[in-house]
């Protein structure tokens, strides 16, 4: 597998990769590879979303006021599984919750980006399209896989039933719709060698040309 020296990727204008996809399609695998192989700085919207509902936060107080104390664990922290059971089965409640969290996440991303003057910066935003944060990035990479692979990975990772997994998947924009708006589409339907080869190729395209919209990578 070809390794591209980081110095060869430097451009005068900062490039901000918006890494997204569907739940359990493999965004973290791509981000980890970019961080370890190319030493690119990674900003993770999920971390900011977790911080938004930390113990003592305004958002957590609003959530507990709306759903009651049963939404909290014994130590006062958010019971994420219980909250997921509510919002992934009710579009109105999910949108209300996102309204409490997304503004905070957006502010944290903007702040972190301003403090990270790297030539290439990766911002992982699972709900990049749904949260209308595409203006925060200059490149959009969408990681996709088959619906069955996505469902099986989610069941194994989060110990969900098939019904719960499907509810989480259908709560997001369809992968085909995301892919149609991507700069680069990365297929995570095989092994890591195949996945990493596509990431390598994407960085070459990123370095050589800005005219890659809709490009599907096949090593």
N, C-alpha and C. Protein backbone atom coordinates (compact mmCIF):
# COMPACT_ATOMS: atom_id res chain seq x y z
N UNK A 1 0.84 -1.20 0.00
CA UNK A 1 0.00 0.00 0.00
C UNK A 1 0.88 1.25 0.00
N UNK A 2 0.63 2.16 -0.91
CA UNK A 2 1.46 3.35 -1.02
C UNK A 2 1.23 4.29 0.14
N UNK A 3 2.33 4.85 0.65
CA UNK A 3 2.25 5.85 1.70
C UNK A 3 2.62 7.20 1.11
N UNK A 4 1.78 8.19 1.36
CA UNK A 4 2.02 9.53 0.84
C UNK A 4 2.57 10.39 1.97
N UNK A 5 3.80 10.88 1.88
CA UNK A 5 4.35 11.74 2.93
C UNK A 5 3.45 12.93 3.19
N UNK A 6 3.27 13.24 4.45
CA UNK A 6 2.39 14.35 4.81
C UNK A 6 2.84 15.64 4.15
N UNK A 7 4.15 15.84 4.05
CA UNK A 7 4.66 17.07 3.45
C UNK A 7 4.19 17.25 2.01
N UNK A 8 3.97 16.14 1.31
CA UNK A 8 3.54 16.21 -0.07
C UNK A 8 2.07 16.59 -0.21
N UNK A 9 1.35 16.56 0.92
CA UNK A 9 -0.08 16.88 0.88
C UNK A 9 -0.35 18.34 1.21
N UNK A 10 0.68 19.06 1.60
CA UNK A 10 0.48 20.44 2.06
C UNK A 10 0.03 21.33 0.90
N UNK A 11 -0.99 22.12 1.14
CA UNK A 11 -1.46 23.10 0.17
C UNK A 11 -1.54 24.45 0.88
N UNK A 12 -1.57 25.51 0.10
CA UNK A 12 -1.60 26.84 0.69
C UNK A 12 -2.90 27.10 1.43
N UNK A 13 -4.01 26.58 0.92
CA UNK A 13 -5.31 26.77 1.54
C UNK A 13 -5.66 25.54 2.36
N UNK A 14 -6.15 25.76 3.58
CA UNK A 14 -6.52 24.62 4.41
C UNK A 14 -7.66 23.85 3.78
N UNK A 15 -7.50 22.56 3.75
CA UNK A 15 -8.56 21.68 3.27
C UNK A 15 -9.18 20.99 4.48
N UNK A 16 -10.48 21.07 4.59
CA UNK A 16 -11.19 20.47 5.71
C UNK A 16 -12.07 19.35 5.17
N UNK A 17 -11.67 18.13 5.46
CA UNK A 17 -12.42 16.95 5.02
C UNK A 17 -13.58 16.73 5.99
N UNK A 18 -14.79 16.72 5.47
CA UNK A 18 -15.95 16.36 6.27
C UNK A 18 -16.21 14.88 6.07
N UNK A 19 -15.87 14.08 7.07
CA UNK A 19 -16.00 12.62 6.97
C UNK A 19 -17.34 12.22 7.56
N UNK A 20 -18.18 11.59 6.73
CA UNK A 20 -19.51 11.22 7.18
C UNK A 20 -19.91 9.90 6.55
N UNK A 21 -21.15 9.54 6.68
CA UNK A 21 -21.67 8.27 6.18
C UNK A 21 -22.90 7.91 6.96
N UNK A 22 -23.19 6.63 7.07
CA UNK A 22 -24.30 6.19 7.89
C UNK A 22 -23.79 5.62 9.20
N UNK A 23 -24.68 5.39 10.12
CA UNK A 23 -24.30 4.78 11.38
C UNK A 23 -23.72 3.39 11.10
N UNK A 24 -22.55 3.11 11.67
CA UNK A 24 -21.88 1.81 11.56
C UNK A 24 -21.41 1.46 10.15
N UNK A 25 -21.15 2.47 9.33
CA UNK A 25 -20.60 2.18 8.00
C UNK A 25 -19.08 2.14 8.01
N UNK A 26 -18.44 2.68 9.05
CA UNK A 26 -16.99 2.60 9.14
C UNK A 26 -16.27 3.93 9.14
N UNK A 27 -16.93 4.98 9.54
CA UNK A 27 -16.29 6.30 9.60
C UNK A 27 -15.09 6.31 10.53
N UNK A 28 -15.22 5.63 11.67
CA UNK A 28 -14.13 5.61 12.65
C UNK A 28 -12.91 4.88 12.11
N UNK A 29 -13.13 3.84 11.31
CA UNK A 29 -12.00 3.12 10.71
C UNK A 29 -11.22 4.04 9.77
N UNK A 30 -11.94 4.83 8.99
CA UNK A 30 -11.28 5.75 8.07
C UNK A 30 -10.55 6.83 8.84
N UNK A 31 -11.21 7.39 9.86
CA UNK A 31 -10.59 8.44 10.67
C UNK A 31 -9.33 7.95 11.37
N UNK A 32 -9.38 6.74 11.90
CA UNK A 32 -8.23 6.16 12.59
C UNK A 32 -7.05 5.99 11.63
N UNK A 33 -7.34 5.53 10.43
CA UNK A 33 -6.28 5.36 9.44
C UNK A 33 -5.67 6.70 9.05
N UNK A 34 -6.49 7.70 8.83
CA UNK A 34 -5.99 9.03 8.47
C UNK A 34 -5.13 9.61 9.59
N UNK A 35 -5.51 9.34 10.81
CA UNK A 35 -4.76 9.85 11.96
C UNK A 35 -3.44 9.12 12.13
N UNK A 36 -3.46 7.81 12.07
CA UNK A 36 -2.25 7.02 12.34
C UNK A 36 -1.30 6.97 11.16
N UNK A 37 -1.84 6.86 9.95
CA UNK A 37 -0.98 6.72 8.77
C UNK A 37 -0.47 8.07 8.27
N UNK A 38 -1.34 9.07 8.32
CA UNK A 38 -0.97 10.37 7.75
C UNK A 38 -0.83 11.48 8.80
N UNK A 39 -1.10 11.14 10.05
CA UNK A 39 -0.94 12.09 11.16
C UNK A 39 -1.79 13.34 10.96
N UNK A 40 -2.97 13.15 10.40
CA UNK A 40 -3.88 14.27 10.22
C UNK A 40 -4.66 14.51 11.51
N UNK A 41 -4.87 15.76 11.89
CA UNK A 41 -5.68 16.04 13.08
C UNK A 41 -7.14 15.68 12.83
N UNK A 42 -7.77 15.09 13.84
CA UNK A 42 -9.15 14.61 13.73
C UNK A 42 -10.03 15.36 14.74
N UNK A 43 -11.10 15.95 14.26
CA UNK A 43 -12.12 16.52 15.13
C UNK A 43 -13.34 15.62 15.04
N UNK A 44 -13.91 15.26 16.17
CA UNK A 44 -15.00 14.28 16.20
C UNK A 44 -16.26 14.91 16.78
N UNK A 45 -17.28 15.09 15.94
CA UNK A 45 -18.53 15.71 16.39
C UNK A 45 -19.21 14.89 17.47
N UNK A 46 -19.04 13.56 17.43
CA UNK A 46 -19.67 12.71 18.45
C UNK A 46 -19.14 13.04 19.85
N UNK A 47 -17.85 13.36 19.93
CA UNK A 47 -17.28 13.72 21.24
C UNK A 47 -17.91 15.01 21.76
N UNK A 48 -18.12 15.95 20.86
CA UNK A 48 -18.75 17.20 21.27
C UNK A 48 -20.21 16.98 21.65
N UNK A 49 -20.87 16.07 20.94
CA UNK A 49 -22.26 15.76 21.26
C UNK A 49 -22.37 15.11 22.64
N UNK A 50 -21.41 14.25 22.97
CA UNK A 50 -21.38 13.64 24.30
C UNK A 50 -21.14 14.70 25.36
N UNK A 51 -20.24 15.63 25.05
CA UNK A 51 -19.93 16.68 26.01
C UNK A 51 -21.13 17.60 26.23
N UNK A 52 -21.96 17.76 25.19
CA UNK A 52 -23.12 18.65 25.29
C UNK A 52 -24.10 18.19 26.36
N UNK A 53 -24.14 16.88 26.63
CA UNK A 53 -25.10 16.34 27.61
C UNK A 53 -24.37 15.80 28.84
N UNK A 54 -23.20 16.34 29.10
CA UNK A 54 -22.44 15.91 30.28
C UNK A 54 -23.20 16.27 31.57
N UNK A 55 -22.80 15.65 32.66
CA UNK A 55 -23.42 15.92 33.95
C UNK A 55 -23.28 17.40 34.30
N UNK A 56 -24.38 18.04 34.59
CA UNK A 56 -24.38 19.46 34.94
C UNK A 56 -24.61 20.39 33.77
N UNK A 57 -24.73 19.85 32.56
CA UNK A 57 -24.91 20.69 31.39
C UNK A 57 -26.35 21.18 31.28
N UNK A 58 -26.52 22.28 30.53
CA UNK A 58 -27.85 22.82 30.29
C UNK A 58 -28.70 21.83 29.51
N UNK A 59 -28.10 21.20 28.50
CA UNK A 59 -28.84 20.26 27.68
C UNK A 59 -29.35 19.07 28.48
N UNK A 60 -28.52 18.56 29.38
CA UNK A 60 -28.95 17.42 30.21
C UNK A 60 -30.12 17.83 31.10
N UNK A 61 -30.08 19.02 31.64
CA UNK A 61 -31.19 19.50 32.46
C UNK A 61 -32.47 19.60 31.65
N UNK A 62 -32.36 20.07 30.41
CA UNK A 62 -33.53 20.17 29.54
C UNK A 62 -34.08 18.80 29.19
N UNK A 63 -33.19 17.85 28.95
CA UNK A 63 -33.61 16.50 28.60
C UNK A 63 -34.32 15.84 29.78
N UNK A 64 -33.75 15.96 30.97
CA UNK A 64 -34.36 15.33 32.14
C UNK A 64 -35.68 16.00 32.50
N UNK A 65 -35.79 17.29 32.22
CA UNK A 65 -37.05 17.99 32.47
C UNK A 65 -38.14 17.49 31.51
N UNK A 66 -37.74 17.20 30.27
CA UNK A 66 -38.70 16.75 29.27
C UNK A 66 -39.13 15.31 29.47
N UNK A 67 -38.19 14.43 29.84
CA UNK A 67 -38.50 13.01 29.91
C UNK A 67 -38.56 12.44 31.32
N UNK A 68 -38.18 13.22 32.31
CA UNK A 68 -38.25 12.75 33.68
C UNK A 68 -36.98 12.06 34.13
N UNK A 69 -36.94 11.73 35.40
CA UNK A 69 -35.73 11.17 36.01
C UNK A 69 -35.38 9.79 35.47
N UNK A 70 -36.34 9.10 34.83
CA UNK A 70 -36.07 7.77 34.30
C UNK A 70 -35.08 7.81 33.14
N UNK A 71 -34.81 9.00 32.63
CA UNK A 71 -33.85 9.13 31.54
C UNK A 71 -32.42 9.23 32.05
N UNK A 72 -32.26 9.21 33.39
CA UNK A 72 -30.95 9.34 34.01
C UNK A 72 -30.51 8.04 34.67
N UNK A 73 -29.19 7.83 34.69
CA UNK A 73 -28.63 6.71 35.42
C UNK A 73 -28.57 7.05 36.90
N UNK A 74 -28.19 6.09 37.72
CA UNK A 74 -28.16 6.32 39.16
C UNK A 74 -27.19 7.42 39.56
N UNK A 75 -26.11 7.60 38.77
CA UNK A 75 -25.13 8.63 39.10
C UNK A 75 -25.49 9.99 38.52
N UNK A 76 -26.66 10.09 37.88
CA UNK A 76 -27.11 11.36 37.35
C UNK A 76 -26.75 11.61 35.89
N UNK A 77 -25.92 10.74 35.33
CA UNK A 77 -25.57 10.88 33.92
C UNK A 77 -26.72 10.40 33.03
N UNK A 78 -26.65 10.76 31.77
CA UNK A 78 -27.70 10.41 30.82
C UNK A 78 -27.69 8.92 30.51
N UNK A 79 -28.86 8.33 30.51
CA UNK A 79 -29.02 6.94 30.09
C UNK A 79 -29.22 6.98 28.57
N UNK A 80 -28.14 6.81 27.84
CA UNK A 80 -28.18 6.98 26.39
C UNK A 80 -29.05 5.93 25.70
N UNK A 81 -29.03 4.73 26.23
CA UNK A 81 -29.84 3.68 25.61
C UNK A 81 -31.32 4.00 25.76
N UNK A 82 -31.71 4.45 26.94
CA UNK A 82 -33.11 4.80 27.17
C UNK A 82 -33.53 5.98 26.29
N UNK A 83 -32.64 6.96 26.17
CA UNK A 83 -32.94 8.11 25.32
C UNK A 83 -33.06 7.67 23.86
N UNK A 84 -32.17 6.78 23.43
CA UNK A 84 -32.23 6.28 22.06
C UNK A 84 -33.53 5.57 21.76
N UNK A 85 -34.03 4.83 22.73
CA UNK A 85 -35.31 4.13 22.54
C UNK A 85 -36.45 5.10 22.31
N UNK A 86 -36.32 6.30 22.85
CA UNK A 86 -37.36 7.32 22.68
C UNK A 86 -37.22 8.01 21.33
N UNK A 87 -36.03 8.58 21.08
CA UNK A 87 -35.88 9.47 19.93
C UNK A 87 -35.77 8.75 18.59
N UNK A 88 -35.31 7.49 18.60
CA UNK A 88 -35.21 6.78 17.33
C UNK A 88 -36.53 6.17 16.90
N UNK A 89 -37.55 6.35 17.72
CA UNK A 89 -38.88 5.88 17.35
C UNK A 89 -39.88 7.02 17.27
N UNK A 90 -39.39 8.24 17.35
CA UNK A 90 -40.27 9.41 17.30
C UNK A 90 -39.53 10.56 16.64
N UNK A 91 -39.87 10.87 15.40
CA UNK A 91 -39.16 11.90 14.65
C UNK A 91 -39.21 13.25 15.33
N UNK A 92 -40.36 13.61 15.88
CA UNK A 92 -40.51 14.91 16.54
C UNK A 92 -39.59 15.03 17.74
N UNK A 93 -39.49 13.95 18.52
CA UNK A 93 -38.63 13.98 19.70
C UNK A 93 -37.16 14.00 19.30
N UNK A 94 -36.82 13.29 18.23
CA UNK A 94 -35.43 13.31 17.77
C UNK A 94 -35.04 14.71 17.31
N UNK A 95 -35.91 15.37 16.61
CA UNK A 95 -35.62 16.72 16.15
C UNK A 95 -35.51 17.69 17.32
N UNK A 96 -36.35 17.50 18.33
CA UNK A 96 -36.23 18.35 19.52
C UNK A 96 -34.86 18.16 20.16
N UNK A 97 -34.45 16.91 20.32
CA UNK A 97 -33.15 16.62 20.94
C UNK A 97 -32.01 17.22 20.13
N UNK A 98 -32.07 17.05 18.82
CA UNK A 98 -31.02 17.61 17.96
C UNK A 98 -30.95 19.12 18.09
N UNK A 99 -32.10 19.75 18.32
CA UNK A 99 -32.12 21.19 18.50
C UNK A 99 -31.39 21.64 19.76
N UNK A 100 -31.29 20.76 20.75
CA UNK A 100 -30.56 21.07 21.97
C UNK A 100 -29.05 20.84 21.81
N UNK A 101 -28.69 19.92 20.94
CA UNK A 101 -27.30 19.48 20.84
C UNK A 101 -26.54 20.08 19.66
N UNK A 102 -27.16 20.15 18.50
CA UNK A 102 -26.44 20.57 17.30
C UNK A 102 -25.82 21.97 17.38
N UNK A 103 -26.49 22.97 17.94
CA UNK A 103 -25.83 24.28 18.03
C UNK A 103 -24.54 24.24 18.84
N UNK A 104 -24.56 23.46 19.92
CA UNK A 104 -23.36 23.32 20.75
C UNK A 104 -22.24 22.64 19.96
N UNK A 105 -22.59 21.57 19.25
CA UNK A 105 -21.60 20.84 18.46
C UNK A 105 -21.01 21.75 17.38
N UNK A 106 -21.85 22.50 16.71
CA UNK A 106 -21.39 23.40 15.66
C UNK A 106 -20.39 24.42 16.21
N UNK A 107 -20.71 25.00 17.35
CA UNK A 107 -19.80 25.99 17.96
C UNK A 107 -18.47 25.36 18.34
N UNK A 108 -18.50 24.15 18.87
CA UNK A 108 -17.27 23.47 19.27
C UNK A 108 -16.42 23.15 18.05
N UNK A 109 -17.05 22.73 16.97
CA UNK A 109 -16.30 22.41 15.75
C UNK A 109 -15.63 23.67 15.20
N UNK A 110 -16.39 24.76 15.13
CA UNK A 110 -15.83 26.02 14.61
C UNK A 110 -14.65 26.48 15.45
N UNK A 111 -14.78 26.37 16.76
CA UNK A 111 -13.69 26.77 17.65
C UNK A 111 -12.47 25.89 17.44
N UNK A 112 -12.68 24.58 17.38
CA UNK A 112 -11.56 23.64 17.21
C UNK A 112 -10.89 23.84 15.85
N UNK A 113 -11.67 24.08 14.82
CA UNK A 113 -11.09 24.31 13.50
C UNK A 113 -10.22 25.57 13.48
N UNK A 114 -10.67 26.61 14.17
CA UNK A 114 -9.91 27.85 14.19
C UNK A 114 -8.61 27.71 14.96
N UNK A 115 -8.55 26.72 15.86
CA UNK A 115 -7.36 26.51 16.68
C UNK A 115 -6.46 25.40 16.12
N UNK A 116 -6.82 24.87 14.95
CA UNK A 116 -6.05 23.78 14.35
C UNK A 116 -5.60 24.19 12.95
N UNK A 117 -4.49 24.92 12.86
CA UNK A 117 -4.05 25.47 11.57
C UNK A 117 -3.28 24.46 10.71
N UNK A 118 -3.77 23.24 10.62
CA UNK A 118 -3.12 22.23 9.80
C UNK A 118 -3.53 22.40 8.34
N UNK A 119 -2.67 22.04 7.40
CA UNK A 119 -3.03 22.17 5.99
C UNK A 119 -4.21 21.28 5.59
N UNK A 120 -4.31 20.10 6.23
CA UNK A 120 -5.44 19.21 6.00
C UNK A 120 -6.01 18.81 7.36
N UNK A 121 -7.29 19.02 7.52
CA UNK A 121 -7.96 18.74 8.79
C UNK A 121 -9.16 17.85 8.52
N UNK A 122 -9.33 16.83 9.34
CA UNK A 122 -10.46 15.91 9.19
C UNK A 122 -11.48 16.20 10.27
N UNK A 123 -12.71 16.45 9.86
CA UNK A 123 -13.80 16.68 10.81
C UNK A 123 -14.84 15.59 10.60
N UNK A 124 -14.99 14.71 11.59
CA UNK A 124 -15.93 13.60 11.50
C UNK A 124 -17.29 14.07 12.01
N UNK A 125 -18.26 14.13 11.10
CA UNK A 125 -19.60 14.60 11.47
C UNK A 125 -20.62 13.59 10.94
N UNK A 126 -21.06 12.65 11.77
CA UNK A 126 -22.00 11.64 11.30
C UNK A 126 -23.26 12.22 10.67
N UNK A 127 -23.77 13.32 11.23
CA UNK A 127 -24.98 13.95 10.70
C UNK A 127 -24.65 15.23 9.93
N UNK A 128 -23.62 15.15 9.13
CA UNK A 128 -23.15 16.32 8.38
C UNK A 128 -24.27 16.95 7.55
N UNK A 129 -25.01 16.13 6.84
CA UNK A 129 -26.10 16.64 6.01
C UNK A 129 -27.34 16.96 6.84
N UNK A 130 -27.69 16.04 7.73
CA UNK A 130 -28.91 16.21 8.52
C UNK A 130 -28.84 17.46 9.41
N UNK A 131 -27.64 17.75 9.93
CA UNK A 131 -27.46 18.90 10.81
C UNK A 131 -27.11 20.17 10.06
N UNK A 132 -27.07 20.06 8.72
CA UNK A 132 -26.78 21.22 7.88
C UNK A 132 -25.44 21.87 8.25
N UNK A 133 -24.39 21.03 8.30
CA UNK A 133 -23.06 21.52 8.65
C UNK A 133 -22.08 21.41 7.48
N UNK A 134 -22.59 21.24 6.27
CA UNK A 134 -21.71 21.10 5.12
C UNK A 134 -20.88 22.36 4.87
N UNK A 135 -21.35 23.51 5.38
CA UNK A 135 -20.58 24.74 5.20
C UNK A 135 -19.32 24.79 6.05
N UNK A 136 -19.16 23.81 6.95
CA UNK A 136 -18.00 23.78 7.83
C UNK A 136 -16.82 23.04 7.20
N UNK A 137 -17.01 22.46 6.01
CA UNK A 137 -15.96 21.65 5.39
C UNK A 137 -15.77 22.06 3.94
N UNK A 138 -14.63 21.65 3.38
CA UNK A 138 -14.35 21.95 1.97
C UNK A 138 -14.41 20.70 1.10
N UNK A 139 -14.37 19.53 1.73
CA UNK A 139 -14.47 18.25 1.02
C UNK A 139 -15.43 17.37 1.80
N UNK A 140 -16.23 16.58 1.10
CA UNK A 140 -17.15 15.67 1.77
C UNK A 140 -16.83 14.24 1.36
N UNK A 141 -16.42 13.43 2.33
CA UNK A 141 -16.15 12.01 2.11
C UNK A 141 -17.26 11.21 2.77
N UNK A 142 -17.93 10.38 1.99
CA UNK A 142 -19.02 9.56 2.52
C UNK A 142 -18.60 8.09 2.50
N UNK A 143 -18.66 7.45 3.67
CA UNK A 143 -18.32 6.03 3.80
C UNK A 143 -19.62 5.24 3.72
N UNK A 144 -19.68 4.28 2.80
CA UNK A 144 -20.91 3.52 2.60
C UNK A 144 -20.64 2.02 2.67
N UNK A 145 -21.70 1.27 2.88
CA UNK A 145 -21.67 -0.19 2.80
C UNK A 145 -23.10 -0.63 2.53
N UNK A 146 -23.32 -1.92 2.40
CA UNK A 146 -24.68 -2.40 2.14
C UNK A 146 -25.53 -2.24 3.40
N UNK A 147 -26.83 -2.18 3.20
CA UNK A 147 -27.75 -2.05 4.32
C UNK A 147 -27.62 -3.22 5.29
N UNK A 148 -27.46 -4.43 4.77
CA UNK A 148 -27.33 -5.60 5.63
C UNK A 148 -26.04 -5.55 6.44
N UNK A 149 -24.94 -5.15 5.81
CA UNK A 149 -23.69 -5.01 6.55
C UNK A 149 -23.83 -3.95 7.65
N UNK A 150 -24.45 -2.85 7.31
CA UNK A 150 -24.66 -1.77 8.27
C UNK A 150 -25.47 -2.27 9.46
N UNK A 151 -26.53 -2.99 9.19
CA UNK A 151 -27.40 -3.50 10.25
C UNK A 151 -26.66 -4.50 11.13
N UNK A 152 -25.94 -5.43 10.53
CA UNK A 152 -25.22 -6.44 11.29
C UNK A 152 -24.12 -5.81 12.16
N UNK A 153 -23.41 -4.85 11.62
CA UNK A 153 -22.36 -4.17 12.39
C UNK A 153 -22.95 -3.43 13.58
N UNK A 154 -24.08 -2.78 13.36
CA UNK A 154 -24.72 -2.02 14.43
C UNK A 154 -25.23 -2.93 15.53
N UNK A 155 -25.82 -4.05 15.14
CA UNK A 155 -26.30 -5.03 16.12
C UNK A 155 -25.14 -5.54 16.97
N UNK A 156 -24.02 -5.88 16.32
CA UNK A 156 -22.87 -6.41 17.05
C UNK A 156 -22.21 -5.34 17.92
N UNK A 157 -22.11 -4.14 17.41
CA UNK A 157 -21.41 -3.08 18.14
C UNK A 157 -22.18 -2.60 19.36
N UNK A 158 -23.48 -2.35 19.18
CA UNK A 158 -24.28 -1.74 20.24
C UNK A 158 -25.22 -2.72 20.93
N UNK A 159 -25.14 -3.98 20.55
CA UNK A 159 -25.96 -5.03 21.17
C UNK A 159 -27.45 -4.68 21.07
N UNK A 160 -27.86 -4.36 19.88
CA UNK A 160 -29.24 -3.97 19.62
C UNK A 160 -30.00 -5.12 18.97
N UNK A 161 -31.31 -5.06 19.04
CA UNK A 161 -32.13 -5.98 18.26
C UNK A 161 -32.14 -5.47 16.83
N UNK A 162 -32.57 -6.32 15.89
CA UNK A 162 -32.64 -5.89 14.49
C UNK A 162 -33.61 -4.71 14.35
N UNK A 163 -34.70 -4.75 15.08
CA UNK A 163 -35.68 -3.65 15.01
C UNK A 163 -35.07 -2.34 15.49
N UNK A 164 -34.32 -2.40 16.60
CA UNK A 164 -33.66 -1.20 17.11
C UNK A 164 -32.62 -0.69 16.12
N UNK A 165 -31.86 -1.59 15.54
CA UNK A 165 -30.83 -1.20 14.58
C UNK A 165 -31.45 -0.54 13.35
N UNK A 166 -32.51 -1.13 12.85
CA UNK A 166 -33.17 -0.58 11.67
C UNK A 166 -33.76 0.80 11.96
N UNK A 167 -34.27 1.01 13.17
CA UNK A 167 -34.83 2.31 13.53
C UNK A 167 -33.75 3.38 13.52
N UNK A 168 -32.56 3.02 13.99
CA UNK A 168 -31.45 3.98 14.00
C UNK A 168 -30.97 4.29 12.58
N UNK A 169 -30.94 3.28 11.75
CA UNK A 169 -30.49 3.48 10.37
C UNK A 169 -31.48 4.35 9.60
N UNK A 170 -32.76 4.06 9.72
CA UNK A 170 -33.77 4.81 8.97
C UNK A 170 -33.98 6.22 9.49
N UNK A 171 -33.47 6.51 10.68
CA UNK A 171 -33.58 7.88 11.22
C UNK A 171 -32.64 8.83 10.49
N UNK A 172 -31.66 8.29 9.76
CA UNK A 172 -30.70 9.11 9.05
C UNK A 172 -31.04 9.20 7.56
N UNK A 173 -30.46 10.20 6.92
CA UNK A 173 -30.63 10.35 5.48
C UNK A 173 -30.11 9.09 4.78
N UNK A 174 -30.79 8.59 3.75
CA UNK A 174 -30.33 7.40 3.04
C UNK A 174 -28.90 7.57 2.51
N UNK A 175 -28.13 6.50 2.55
CA UNK A 175 -26.74 6.56 2.10
C UNK A 175 -26.63 6.98 0.64
N UNK A 176 -27.58 6.54 -0.18
CA UNK A 176 -27.53 6.91 -1.59
C UNK A 176 -27.65 8.41 -1.78
N UNK A 177 -28.46 9.04 -0.95
CA UNK A 177 -28.64 10.49 -1.03
C UNK A 177 -27.38 11.22 -0.59
N UNK A 178 -26.74 10.69 0.47
CA UNK A 178 -25.49 11.29 0.93
C UNK A 178 -24.39 11.13 -0.12
N UNK A 179 -24.31 9.94 -0.69
CA UNK A 179 -23.27 9.66 -1.68
C UNK A 179 -23.41 10.56 -2.90
N UNK A 180 -24.65 10.90 -3.25
CA UNK A 180 -24.87 11.73 -4.44
C UNK A 180 -24.35 13.15 -4.24
N UNK A 181 -24.10 13.56 -2.99
CA UNK A 181 -23.62 14.90 -2.69
C UNK A 181 -22.15 14.90 -2.24
N UNK A 182 -21.50 13.76 -2.38
CA UNK A 182 -20.15 13.61 -1.87
C UNK A 182 -19.09 14.07 -2.86
N UNK A 183 -17.96 14.50 -2.32
CA UNK A 183 -16.76 14.71 -3.12
C UNK A 183 -16.14 13.36 -3.45
N UNK A 184 -16.11 12.49 -2.44
CA UNK A 184 -15.53 11.14 -2.58
C UNK A 184 -16.44 10.15 -1.86
N UNK A 185 -16.68 9.02 -2.48
CA UNK A 185 -17.44 7.93 -1.86
C UNK A 185 -16.47 6.77 -1.61
N UNK A 186 -16.42 6.32 -0.36
CA UNK A 186 -15.54 5.22 0.02
C UNK A 186 -16.39 4.02 0.41
N UNK A 187 -16.14 2.88 -0.25
CA UNK A 187 -16.92 1.67 -0.01
C UNK A 187 -16.24 0.80 1.06
N UNK A 188 -16.92 0.62 2.16
CA UNK A 188 -16.40 -0.22 3.24
C UNK A 188 -17.16 -1.53 3.28
N UNK A 189 -17.05 -2.28 2.20
CA UNK A 189 -17.79 -3.54 2.09
C UNK A 189 -16.87 -4.75 1.96
N UNK A 190 -15.56 -4.52 2.20
CA UNK A 190 -14.61 -5.62 2.07
C UNK A 190 -13.69 -5.61 3.29
N UNK A 191 -12.37 -5.71 3.07
CA UNK A 191 -11.44 -5.74 4.19
C UNK A 191 -10.73 -4.39 4.35
N UNK A 192 -9.87 -4.32 5.37
CA UNK A 192 -9.18 -3.05 5.65
C UNK A 192 -8.21 -2.67 4.54
N UNK A 193 -7.62 -3.65 3.89
CA UNK A 193 -6.70 -3.35 2.79
C UNK A 193 -7.43 -2.58 1.69
N UNK A 194 -8.60 -3.06 1.35
CA UNK A 194 -9.44 -2.42 0.33
C UNK A 194 -9.85 -1.02 0.79
N UNK A 195 -10.23 -0.92 2.06
CA UNK A 195 -10.66 0.37 2.60
C UNK A 195 -9.51 1.37 2.59
N UNK A 196 -8.35 0.96 3.08
CA UNK A 196 -7.20 1.87 3.17
C UNK A 196 -6.71 2.30 1.79
N UNK A 197 -6.79 1.41 0.83
CA UNK A 197 -6.37 1.75 -0.53
C UNK A 197 -7.23 2.88 -1.09
N UNK A 198 -8.52 2.85 -0.77
CA UNK A 198 -9.41 3.92 -1.24
C UNK A 198 -9.09 5.25 -0.55
N UNK A 199 -8.74 5.18 0.73
CA UNK A 199 -8.36 6.40 1.44
C UNK A 199 -7.09 6.98 0.85
N UNK A 200 -6.11 6.14 0.57
CA UNK A 200 -4.87 6.59 -0.07
C UNK A 200 -5.19 7.30 -1.38
N UNK A 201 -6.05 6.69 -2.17
CA UNK A 201 -6.39 7.25 -3.47
C UNK A 201 -7.13 8.58 -3.30
N UNK A 202 -7.98 8.66 -2.29
CA UNK A 202 -8.73 9.89 -2.05
C UNK A 202 -7.79 11.04 -1.71
N UNK A 203 -6.75 10.76 -0.95
CA UNK A 203 -5.80 11.81 -0.60
C UNK A 203 -5.01 12.27 -1.81
N UNK A 204 -4.72 11.35 -2.73
CA UNK A 204 -4.05 11.73 -3.97
C UNK A 204 -4.95 12.66 -4.78
N UNK A 205 -6.22 12.29 -4.90
CA UNK A 205 -7.17 13.12 -5.63
C UNK A 205 -7.34 14.47 -4.96
N UNK A 206 -7.37 14.46 -3.64
CA UNK A 206 -7.51 15.69 -2.88
C UNK A 206 -6.34 16.62 -3.15
N UNK A 207 -5.15 16.03 -3.24
CA UNK A 207 -3.95 16.83 -3.44
C UNK A 207 -3.84 17.34 -4.87
N UNK A 208 -4.23 16.52 -5.82
CA UNK A 208 -3.99 16.86 -7.22
C UNK A 208 -5.10 17.72 -7.84
N UNK A 209 -6.30 17.57 -7.35
CA UNK A 209 -7.39 18.27 -8.02
C UNK A 209 -8.54 18.54 -7.07
N UNK A 210 -9.21 19.64 -7.30
CA UNK A 210 -10.41 19.96 -6.54
C UNK A 210 -11.66 19.54 -7.30
N UNK A 211 -11.48 19.00 -8.49
CA UNK A 211 -12.60 18.68 -9.36
C UNK A 211 -12.90 17.19 -9.31
N UNK A 212 -13.28 16.69 -8.09
CA UNK A 212 -13.52 15.26 -7.95
C UNK A 212 -14.92 14.98 -7.46
N UNK A 213 -15.83 15.93 -7.53
CA UNK A 213 -17.17 15.75 -6.98
C UNK A 213 -17.86 14.54 -7.60
N UNK A 214 -18.39 13.69 -6.70
CA UNK A 214 -19.10 12.51 -7.16
C UNK A 214 -18.20 11.35 -7.51
N UNK A 215 -16.89 11.48 -7.27
CA UNK A 215 -15.95 10.43 -7.64
C UNK A 215 -16.10 9.24 -6.70
N UNK A 216 -16.34 8.06 -7.26
CA UNK A 216 -16.40 6.83 -6.49
C UNK A 216 -15.04 6.15 -6.61
N UNK A 217 -14.47 5.80 -5.47
CA UNK A 217 -13.12 5.24 -5.48
C UNK A 217 -13.14 3.73 -5.63
N UNK A 218 -12.36 3.26 -6.53
CA UNK A 218 -12.15 1.83 -6.72
C UNK A 218 -10.67 1.59 -6.90
N UNK A 219 -9.96 1.00 -5.92
CA UNK A 219 -8.53 0.80 -6.01
C UNK A 219 -8.18 -0.20 -7.11
